[in-house]
PDB file of all heavy atoms in Angstrom:
ATOM      1  N   HIS A   1     -30.488  20.444 -12.900  1.00  0.00           N
ATOM      2  CA  HIS A   1     -29.560  19.911 -11.913  1.00  0.00           C
ATOM      3  C   HIS A   1     -30.324  19.343 -10.709  1.00  0.00           C
ATOM      4  O   HIS A   1     -31.440  19.775 -10.399  1.00  0.00           O
ATOM      5  CB  HIS A   1     -28.593  21.003 -11.450  1.00  0.00           C
ATOM      6  CG  HIS A   1     -27.786  21.584 -12.563  1.00  0.00           C
ATOM      7  ND1 HIS A   1     -26.748  20.905 -13.165  1.00  0.00           N
ATOM      8  CD2 HIS A   1     -27.882  22.776 -13.215  1.00  0.00           C
ATOM      9  CE1 HIS A   1     -26.236  21.657 -14.122  1.00  0.00           C
ATOM     10  NE2 HIS A   1     -26.906  22.799 -14.184  1.00  0.00           N
ATOM     11  N   GLU A   2     -29.720  18.380 -10.054  1.00  0.00           N
ATOM     12  CA  GLU A   2     -30.318  17.787  -8.848  1.00  0.00           C
ATOM     13  C   GLU A   2     -29.913  18.656  -7.646  1.00  0.00           C
ATOM     14  O   GLU A   2     -28.851  18.478  -7.063  1.00  0.00           O
ATOM     15  CB  GLU A   2     -29.829  16.353  -8.643  1.00  0.00           C
ATOM     16  CG  GLU A   2     -30.437  15.660  -7.427  1.00  0.00           C
ATOM     17  CD  GLU A   2     -29.763  14.339  -7.125  1.00  0.00           C
ATOM     18  OE1 GLU A   2     -29.472  13.583  -8.083  1.00  0.00           O
ATOM     19  OE2 GLU A   2     -29.509  14.067  -5.924  1.00  0.00           O
ATOM     20  N   VAL A   3     -30.768  19.600  -7.297  1.00  0.00           N
ATOM     21  CA  VAL A   3     -30.452  20.602  -6.275  1.00  0.00           C
ATOM     22  C   VAL A   3     -30.997  20.162  -4.921  1.00  0.00           C
ATOM     23  O   VAL A   3     -32.166  19.776  -4.802  1.00  0.00           O
ATOM     24  CB  VAL A   3     -31.029  21.981  -6.651  1.00  0.00           C
ATOM     25  CG1 VAL A   3     -30.710  23.016  -5.568  1.00  0.00           C
ATOM     26  CG2 VAL A   3     -30.483  22.441  -8.000  1.00  0.00           C
ATOM     27  N   HIS A   4     -30.145  20.215  -3.929  1.00  0.00           N
ATOM     28  CA  HIS A   4     -30.545  19.977  -2.541  1.00  0.00           C
ATOM     29  C   HIS A   4     -30.266  21.245  -1.749  1.00  0.00           C
ATOM     30  O   HIS A   4     -29.166  21.810  -1.842  1.00  0.00           O
ATOM     31  CB  HIS A   4     -29.749  18.827  -1.922  1.00  0.00           C
ATOM     32  CG  HIS A   4     -29.998  17.501  -2.563  1.00  0.00           C
ATOM     33  ND1 HIS A   4     -30.837  16.550  -2.004  1.00  0.00           N
ATOM     34  CD2 HIS A   4     -29.512  16.964  -3.716  1.00  0.00           C
ATOM     35  CE1 HIS A   4     -30.861  15.486  -2.784  1.00  0.00           C
ATOM     36  NE2 HIS A   4     -30.062  15.706  -3.833  1.00  0.00           N
ATOM     37  N   VAL A   5     -31.237  21.707  -0.966  1.00  0.00           N
ATOM     38  CA  VAL A   5     -30.993  22.843  -0.095  1.00  0.00           C
ATOM     39  C   VAL A   5     -30.919  22.338   1.342  1.00  0.00           C
ATOM     40  O   VAL A   5     -31.738  21.515   1.770  1.00  0.00           O
ATOM     41  CB  VAL A   5     -32.066  23.944  -0.250  1.00  0.00           C
ATOM     42  CG1 VAL A   5     -33.445  23.444   0.112  1.00  0.00           C
ATOM     43  CG2 VAL A   5     -31.716  25.173   0.579  1.00  0.00           C
ATOM     44  N   ALA A   6     -29.896  22.790   2.066  1.00  0.00           N
ATOM     45  CA  ALA A   6     -29.687  22.357   3.450  1.00  0.00           C
ATOM     46  C   ALA A   6     -29.706  23.586   4.347  1.00  0.00           C
ATOM     47  O   ALA A   6     -28.820  24.448   4.254  1.00  0.00           O
ATOM     48  CB  ALA A   6     -28.360  21.617   3.593  1.00  0.00           C
ATOM     49  N   TYR A   7     -30.718  23.678   5.197  1.00  0.00           N
ATOM     50  CA  TYR A   7     -30.829  24.798   6.139  1.00  0.00           C
ATOM     51  C   TYR A   7     -30.031  24.437   7.389  1.00  0.00           C
ATOM     52  O   TYR A   7     -30.387  23.527   8.131  1.00  0.00           O
ATOM     53  CB  TYR A   7     -32.297  25.077   6.454  1.00  0.00           C
ATOM     54  CG  TYR A   7     -33.066  25.460   5.209  1.00  0.00           C
ATOM     55  CD1 TYR A   7     -33.899  24.543   4.562  1.00  0.00           C
ATOM     56  CD2 TYR A   7     -32.919  26.720   4.644  1.00  0.00           C
ATOM     57  CE1 TYR A   7     -34.568  24.881   3.393  1.00  0.00           C
ATOM     58  CE2 TYR A   7     -33.590  27.070   3.481  1.00  0.00           C
ATOM     59  CZ  TYR A   7     -34.412  26.146   2.859  1.00  0.00           C
ATOM     60  OH  TYR A   7     -35.066  26.487   1.711  1.00  0.00           O
ATOM     61  N   GLN A   8     -28.937  25.155   7.599  1.00  0.00           N
ATOM     62  CA  GLN A   8     -27.975  24.753   8.620  1.00  0.00           C
ATOM     63  C   GLN A   8     -28.474  24.977  10.041  1.00  0.00           C
ATOM     64  O   GLN A   8     -28.146  24.217  10.944  1.00  0.00           O
ATOM     65  CB  GLN A   8     -26.646  25.486   8.392  1.00  0.00           C
ATOM     66  CG  GLN A   8     -25.938  25.051   7.108  1.00  0.00           C
ATOM     67  CD  GLN A   8     -24.733  25.899   6.810  1.00  0.00           C
ATOM     68  OE1 GLN A   8     -24.840  26.963   6.216  1.00  0.00           O
ATOM     69  NE2 GLN A   8     -23.557  25.442   7.233  1.00  0.00           N
ATOM     70  N   THR A   9     -29.220  26.053  10.262  1.00  0.00           N
ATOM     71  CA  THR A   9     -29.734  26.324  11.612  1.00  0.00           C
ATOM     72  C   THR A   9     -31.247  26.472  11.574  1.00  0.00           C
ATOM     73  O   THR A   9     -31.842  26.712  10.521  1.00  0.00           O
ATOM     74  CB  THR A   9     -29.115  27.605  12.204  1.00  0.00           C
ATOM     75  OG1 THR A   9     -29.670  28.758  11.533  1.00  0.00           O
ATOM     76  CG2 THR A   9     -27.599  27.605  12.057  1.00  0.00           C
ATOM     77  N   SER A  10     -31.840  26.363  12.744  1.00  0.00           N
ATOM     78  CA  SER A  10     -33.301  26.449  12.837  1.00  0.00           C
ATOM     79  C   SER A  10     -33.810  27.871  12.682  1.00  0.00           C
ATOM     80  O   SER A  10     -34.955  28.081  12.266  1.00  0.00           O
ATOM     81  CB  SER A  10     -33.768  25.904  14.190  1.00  0.00           C
ATOM     82  OG  SER A  10     -33.309  26.743  15.254  1.00  0.00           O
ATOM     83  N   GLY A  11     -32.987  28.870  13.030  1.00  0.00           N
ATOM     84  CA  GLY A  11     -33.447  30.254  12.973  1.00  0.00           C
ATOM     85  C   GLY A  11     -34.522  30.564  13.987  1.00  0.00           C
ATOM     86  O   GLY A  11     -35.236  31.566  13.867  1.00  0.00           O
ATOM     87  N   ASN A  12     -34.638  29.723  15.029  1.00  0.00           N
ATOM     88  CA  ASN A  12     -35.792  29.845  15.927  1.00  0.00           C
ATOM     89  C   ASN A  12     -35.771  31.070  16.834  1.00  0.00           C
ATOM     90  O   ASN A  12     -36.803  31.433  17.389  1.00  0.00           O
ATOM     91  CB  ASN A  12     -35.960  28.569  16.774  1.00  0.00           C
ATOM     92  CG  ASN A  12     -34.711  28.223  17.573  1.00  0.00           C
ATOM     93  OD1 ASN A  12     -33.828  29.045  17.806  1.00  0.00           O
ATOM     94  ND2 ASN A  12     -34.627  26.965  17.997  1.00  0.00           N
ATOM     95  N   ILE A  13     -34.616  31.725  16.981  1.00  0.00           N
ATOM     96  CA  ILE A  13     -34.624  32.921  17.830  1.00  0.00           C
ATOM     97  C   ILE A  13     -35.104  34.149  17.065  1.00  0.00           C
ATOM     98  O   ILE A  13     -35.357  35.198  17.666  1.00  0.00           O
ATOM     99  CB  ILE A  13     -33.241  33.215  18.438  1.00  0.00           C
ATOM    100  CG1 ILE A  13     -32.224  33.573  17.350  1.00  0.00           C
ATOM    101  CG2 ILE A  13     -32.749  32.039  19.272  1.00  0.00           C
ATOM    102  CD1 ILE A  13     -30.956  34.181  17.902  1.00  0.00           C
ATOM    103  N   ALA A  14     -35.224  34.032  15.744  1.00  0.00           N
ATOM    104  CA  ALA A  14     -35.591  35.178  14.916  1.00  0.00           C
ATOM    105  C   ALA A  14     -37.071  35.159  14.557  1.00  0.00           C
ATOM    106  O   ALA A  14     -37.455  35.422  13.412  1.00  0.00           O
ATOM    107  CB  ALA A  14     -34.732  35.220  13.662  1.00  0.00           C
ATOM    108  N   VAL A  15     -37.908  34.814  15.513  1.00  0.00           N
ATOM    109  CA  VAL A  15     -39.358  34.828  15.331  1.00  0.00           C
ATOM    110  C   VAL A  15     -39.962  35.619  16.486  1.00  0.00           C
ATOM    111  O   VAL A  15     -39.626  35.388  17.655  1.00  0.00           O
ATOM    112  CB  VAL A  15     -39.948  33.401  15.308  1.00  0.00           C
ATOM    113  CG1 VAL A  15     -41.471  33.448  15.204  1.00  0.00           C
ATOM    114  CG2 VAL A  15     -39.367  32.600  14.148  1.00  0.00           C
ATOM    115  N   HIS A  16     -40.808  36.572  16.167  1.00  0.00           N
ATOM    116  CA  HIS A  16     -41.455  37.374  17.208  1.00  0.00           C
ATOM    117  C   HIS A  16     -42.377  36.502  18.062  1.00  0.00           C
ATOM    118  O   HIS A  16     -42.980  35.537  17.568  1.00  0.00           O
ATOM    119  CB  HIS A  16     -42.274  38.501  16.578  1.00  0.00           C
ATOM    120  CG  HIS A  16     -41.446  39.578  15.948  1.00  0.00           C
ATOM    121  ND1 HIS A  16     -40.661  40.438  16.680  1.00  0.00           N
ATOM    122  CD2 HIS A  16     -41.284  39.941  14.640  1.00  0.00           C
ATOM    123  CE1 HIS A  16     -40.050  41.290  15.869  1.00  0.00           C
ATOM    124  NE2 HIS A  16     -40.410  41.002  14.628  1.00  0.00           N
ATOM    125  N   ASP A  17     -42.496  36.860  19.325  1.00  0.00           N
ATOM    126  CA  ASP A  17     -43.384  36.116  20.223  1.00  0.00           C
ATOM    127  C   ASP A  17     -44.820  36.119  19.726  1.00  0.00           C
ATOM    128  O   ASP A  17     -45.539  35.122  19.850  1.00  0.00           O
ATOM    129  CB  ASP A  17     -43.321  36.708  21.634  1.00  0.00           C
ATOM    130  CG  ASP A  17     -41.989  36.455  22.318  1.00  0.00           C
ATOM    131  OD1 ASP A  17     -41.234  35.592  21.829  1.00  0.00           O
ATOM    132  OD2 ASP A  17     -41.708  37.114  23.335  1.00  0.00           O
ATOM    133  N   TYR A  18     -45.269  37.249  19.139  1.00  0.00           N
ATOM    134  CA  TYR A  18     -46.660  37.306  18.689  1.00  0.00           C
ATOM    135  C   TYR A  18     -46.914  36.354  17.527  1.00  0.00           C
ATOM    136  O   TYR A  18     -48.031  35.848  17.356  1.00  0.00           O
ATOM    137  CB  TYR A  18     -47.081  38.738  18.352  1.00  0.00           C
ATOM    138  CG  TYR A  18     -46.236  39.458  17.329  1.00  0.00           C
ATOM    139  CD1 TYR A  18     -46.304  39.153  15.971  1.00  0.00           C
ATOM    140  CD2 TYR A  18     -45.387  40.493  17.721  1.00  0.00           C
ATOM    141  CE1 TYR A  18     -45.541  39.832  15.043  1.00  0.00           C
ATOM    142  CE2 TYR A  18     -44.616  41.183  16.797  1.00  0.00           C
ATOM    143  CZ  TYR A  18     -44.699  40.851  15.461  1.00  0.00           C
ATOM    144  OH  TYR A  18     -43.938  41.524  14.537  1.00  0.00           O
ATOM    145  N   ASP A  19     -45.873  36.091  16.720  1.00  0.00           N
ATOM    146  CA  ASP A  19     -46.037  35.105  15.650  1.00  0.00           C
ATOM    147  C   ASP A  19     -46.178  33.701  16.229  1.00  0.00           C
ATOM    148  O   ASP A  19     -46.988  32.890  15.756  1.00  0.00           O
ATOM    149  CB  ASP A  19     -44.840  35.145  14.698  1.00  0.00           C
ATOM    150  CG  ASP A  19     -44.966  36.239  13.651  1.00  0.00           C
ATOM    151  OD1 ASP A  19     -46.096  36.529  13.243  1.00  0.00           O
ATOM    152  OD2 ASP A  19     -43.933  36.798  13.247  1.00  0.00           O
ATOM    153  N   ALA A  20     -45.377  33.412  17.255  1.00  0.00           N
ATOM    154  CA  ALA A  20     -45.475  32.094  17.895  1.00  0.00           C
ATOM    155  C   ALA A  20     -46.853  31.909  18.512  1.00  0.00           C
ATOM    156  O   ALA A  20     -47.473  30.839  18.381  1.00  0.00           O
ATOM    157  CB  ALA A  20     -44.393  31.952  18.959  1.00  0.00           C
ATOM    158  N   LEU A  21     -47.345  32.951  19.191  1.00  0.00           N
ATOM    159  CA  LEU A  21     -48.670  32.864  19.815  1.00  0.00           C
ATOM    160  C   LEU A  21     -49.751  32.663  18.761  1.00  0.00           C
ATOM    161  O   LEU A  21     -50.696  31.883  18.957  1.00  0.00           O
ATOM    162  CB  LEU A  21     -48.942  34.137  20.623  1.00  0.00           C
ATOM    163  CG  LEU A  21     -50.275  34.187  21.367  1.00  0.00           C
ATOM    164  CD1 LEU A  21     -50.378  33.039  22.369  1.00  0.00           C
ATOM    165  CD2 LEU A  21     -50.443  35.528  22.076  1.00  0.00           C
ATOM    166  N   ARG A  22     -49.620  33.339  17.639  1.00  0.00           N
ATOM    167  CA  ARG A  22     -50.605  33.196  16.564  1.00  0.00           C
ATOM    168  C   ARG A  22     -50.683  31.757  16.068  1.00  0.00           C
ATOM    169  O   ARG A  22     -51.767  31.221  15.804  1.00  0.00           O
ATOM    170  CB  ARG A  22     -50.218  34.144  15.424  1.00  0.00           C
ATOM    171  CG  ARG A  22     -51.163  34.163  14.247  1.00  0.00           C
ATOM    172  CD  ARG A  22     -50.970  35.441  13.437  1.00  0.00           C
ATOM    173  NE  ARG A  22     -49.598  35.566  12.968  1.00  0.00           N
ATOM    174  CZ  ARG A  22     -49.180  35.093  11.789  1.00  0.00           C
ATOM    175  NH1 ARG A  22     -50.023  34.448  10.998  1.00  0.00           N
ATOM    176  NH2 ARG A  22     -47.935  35.261  11.402  1.00  0.00           N
ATOM    177  N   PHE A  23     -49.534  31.101  15.942  1.00  0.00           N
ATOM    178  CA  PHE A  23     -49.514  29.712  15.475  1.00  0.00           C
ATOM    179  C   PHE A  23     -50.025  28.753  16.552  1.00  0.00           C
ATOM    180  O   PHE A  23     -50.673  27.754  16.237  1.00  0.00           O
ATOM    181  CB  PHE A  23     -48.109  29.335  15.019  1.00  0.00           C
ATOM    182  CG  PHE A  23     -47.834  29.695  13.589  1.00  0.00           C
ATOM    183  CD1 PHE A  23     -47.502  31.000  13.243  1.00  0.00           C
ATOM    184  CD2 PHE A  23     -47.950  28.755  12.580  1.00  0.00           C
ATOM    185  CE1 PHE A  23     -47.265  31.347  11.923  1.00  0.00           C
ATOM    186  CE2 PHE A  23     -47.712  29.097  11.258  1.00  0.00           C
ATOM    187  CZ  PHE A  23     -47.376  30.400  10.920  1.00  0.00           C
ATOM    188  N   ILE A  24     -49.746  29.052  17.804  1.00  0.00           N
ATOM    189  CA  ILE A  24     -50.297  28.227  18.884  1.00  0.00           C
ATOM    190  C   ILE A  24     -51.813  28.295  18.849  1.00  0.00           C
ATOM    191  O   ILE A  24     -52.516  27.269  18.947  1.00  0.00           O
ATOM    192  CB  ILE A  24     -49.760  28.705  20.254  1.00  0.00           C
ATOM    193  CG1 ILE A  24     -48.267  28.385  20.378  1.00  0.00           C
ATOM    194  CG2 ILE A  24     -50.541  28.042  21.400  1.00  0.00           C
ATOM    195  CD1 ILE A  24     -47.614  29.025  21.585  1.00  0.00           C
ATOM    196  N   GLU A  25     -52.349  29.504  18.691  1.00  0.00           N
ATOM    197  CA  GLU A  25     -53.806  29.679  18.636  1.00  0.00           C
ATOM    198  C   GLU A  25     -54.404  28.959  17.430  1.00  0.00           C
ATOM    199  O   GLU A  25     -55.483  28.355  17.519  1.00  0.00           O
ATOM    200  CB  GLU A  25     -54.139  31.170  18.590  1.00  0.00           C
ATOM    201  CG  GLU A  25     -53.834  31.884  19.898  1.00  0.00           C
ATOM    202  CD  GLU A  25     -53.952  33.395  19.780  1.00  0.00           C
ATOM    203  OE1 GLU A  25     -53.967  33.914  18.640  1.00  0.00           O
ATOM    204  OE2 GLU A  25     -54.020  34.059  20.826  1.00  0.00           O
TER     205      GLU A  25
END
């Protein structure tokens, strides 16, 4: 089947600050 997945929201509030800092680094 021709499957499309659509992520409705960004989910950006559900990320720990330390994970964000790790990616910035």
